C-alpha atoms as a PDB file:
ATOM      1  CA  MET A   1     -20.951 -11.853   9.439  1.00  0.00           C
ATOM      2  CA  ASN A   2     -18.554 -14.703  10.022  1.00  0.00           C
ATOM      3  CA  ARG A   3     -15.032 -14.486  11.393  1.00  0.00           C
ATOM      4  CA  ASP A   4     -13.340 -14.490   7.972  1.00  0.00           C
ATOM      5  CA  GLN A   5     -15.460 -11.556   6.828  1.00  0.00           C
ATOM      6  CA  TRP A   6     -14.615  -9.568   9.948  1.00  0.00           C
ATOM      7  CA  ILE A   7     -10.913 -10.307   9.567  1.00  0.00           C
ATOM      8  CA  GLY A   8     -11.170  -9.308   5.886  1.00  0.00           C
ATOM      9  CA  ARG A   9     -12.502  -5.894   6.845  1.00  0.00           C
ATOM     10  CA  LEU A  10      -9.726  -5.513   9.393  1.00  0.00           C
ATOM     11  CA  GLN A  11      -7.177  -6.508   6.744  1.00  0.00           C
ATOM     12  CA  GLN A  12      -8.549  -3.838   4.404  1.00  0.00           C
ATOM     13  CA  PHE A  13      -8.101  -1.225   7.127  1.00  0.00           C
ATOM     14  CA  VAL A  14      -4.525  -2.342   7.831  1.00  0.00           C
ATOM     15  CA  GLY A  15      -3.835  -2.246   4.077  1.00  0.00           C
ATOM     16  CA  ILE A  16      -5.046   1.343   3.880  1.00  0.00           C
ATOM     17  CA  ILE A  17      -2.741   2.297   6.750  1.00  0.00           C
ATOM     18  CA  GLU A  18       0.237   0.511   5.131  1.00  0.00           C
ATOM     19  CA  GLU A  19      -0.417   2.157   1.772  1.00  0.00           C
ATOM     20  CA  THR A  20      -0.734   5.612   3.323  1.00  0.00           C
ATOM     21  CA  TRP A  21       2.433   5.112   5.380  1.00  0.00           C
ATOM     22  CA  GLY A  22       4.248   3.975   2.240  1.00  0.00           C
ATOM     23  CA  HIS A  23       3.266   7.197   0.488  1.00  0.00           C
ATOM     24  CA  LEU A  24       4.237   9.367   3.453  1.00  0.00           C
ATOM     25  CA  SER A  25       7.587   7.669   3.995  1.00  0.00           C
ATOM     26  CA  ASP A  26       8.323   7.483   0.251  1.00  0.00           C
ATOM     27  CA  GLU A  27       8.527   3.678   0.252  1.00  0.00           C
ATOM     28  CA  PRO A  28       6.705   2.399  -2.847  1.00  0.00           C
ATOM     29  CA  GLU A  29       7.178  -1.264  -1.850  1.00  0.00           C
ATOM     30  CA  LEU A  30       5.229  -0.705   1.366  1.00  0.00           C
ATOM     31  CA  ALA A  31       2.499   1.113  -0.531  1.00  0.00           C
ATOM     32  CA  VAL A  32       2.124  -1.798  -2.966  1.00  0.00           C
ATOM     33  CA  THR A  33       2.090  -4.283  -0.084  1.00  0.00           C
ATOM     34  CA  GLY A  34      -0.705  -2.276   1.522  1.00  0.00           C
ATOM     35  CA  ARG A  35      -2.633  -2.261  -1.733  1.00  0.00           C
ATOM     36  CA  LYS A  36      -2.354  -6.049  -2.016  1.00  0.00           C
ATOM     37  CA  ALA A  37      -3.533  -6.412   1.591  1.00  0.00           C
ATOM     38  CA  GLN A  38      -6.574  -4.309   0.714  1.00  0.00           C
ATOM     39  CA  PHE A  39      -7.413  -6.521  -2.268  1.00  0.00           C
ATOM     40  CA  THR A  40      -7.006  -9.699  -0.240  1.00  0.00           C
ATOM     41  CA  GLY A  41      -9.113  -8.243   2.564  1.00  0.00           C
ATOM     42  CA  ARG A  42     -11.828  -7.228   0.129  1.00  0.00           C
ATOM     43  CA  ILE A  43     -11.987 -10.752  -1.323  1.00  0.00           C
ATOM     44  CA  ARG A  44     -12.040 -12.229   2.155  1.00  0.00           C
ATOM     45  CA  ALA A  45     -14.739  -9.862   3.431  1.00  0.00           C
ATOM     46  CA  GLN A  46     -17.054 -10.273   0.459  1.00  0.00           C
ATOM     47  CA  LEU A  47     -16.770 -14.025   0.046  1.00  0.00           C
ATOM     48  CA  GLY A  48     -15.972 -15.121   3.596  1.00  0.00           C
ATOM     49  CA  LEU A  49     -12.910 -17.083   2.480  1.00  0.00           C
ATOM     50  CA  SER A  50      -9.912 -18.074   4.523  1.00  0.00           C
ATOM     51  CA  ARG A  51      -6.699 -16.092   4.104  1.00  0.00           C
ATOM     52  CA  ALA A  52      -5.018 -18.849   2.104  1.00  0.00           C
ATOM     53  CA  LYS A  53      -7.890 -19.028  -0.386  1.00  0.00           C
ATOM     54  CA  ALA A  54      -8.070 -15.246  -0.727  1.00  0.00           C
ATOM     55  CA  ASP A  55      -4.291 -15.023  -1.240  1.00  0.00           C
ATOM     56  CA  ARG A  56      -4.472 -17.808  -3.816  1.00  0.00           C
ATOM     57  CA  GLN A  57      -7.282 -16.062  -5.724  1.00  0.00           C
ATOM     58  CA  LEU A  58      -5.360 -12.793  -5.760  1.00  0.00           C
ATOM     59  CA  GLY A  59      -2.190 -14.580  -6.880  1.00  0.00           C
ATOM     60  CA  GLU A  60      -4.056 -16.324  -9.714  1.00  0.00           C
ATOM     61  CA  PHE A  61      -5.580 -13.025 -10.816  1.00  0.00           C
ATOM     62  CA  LEU A  62      -2.225 -11.247 -10.775  1.00  0.00           C
ATOM     63  CA  HIS A  63      -0.638 -14.130 -12.695  1.00  0.00           C
ATOM     64  CA  ARG A  64      -3.334 -13.987 -15.380  1.00  0.00           C
ATOM     65  CA  HIS A  65      -2.935 -10.217 -15.661  1.00  0.00           C
ATOM     66  CA  ARG A  66       0.822  -9.981 -15.080  1.00  0.00           C
ATOM     67  CA  HIS A  67       1.207  -7.284 -17.734  1.00  0.00           C
ATOM     68  CA  TRP A  68      -0.717  -4.896 -15.463  1.00  0.00           C
ATOM     69  CA  LYS A  69       1.356  -2.590 -13.289  1.00  0.00           C
ATOM     70  CA  ILE A  70       0.185  -2.371  -9.682  1.00  0.00           C
ATOM     71  CA  THR A  71       1.449   0.931  -8.435  1.00  0.00           C
ATOM     72  CA  ALA A  72       0.488   2.957  -5.457  1.00  0.00           C
END
């Protein structure tokens, strides 16, 4: 497991915490931010990519599927 994969797993964990806190504090923006962090972390952990590449891949995916609603 390389460093990017380890950081990706950590980012997934932080995303879960942010999403849960967003639900508990009734802040939907924080919950969505946590969800995005989980997706980016998952990409980073599985593929071993840098944060910039993982963010770019997620951004491209969300742009292609912009009619989808990402809700917490």
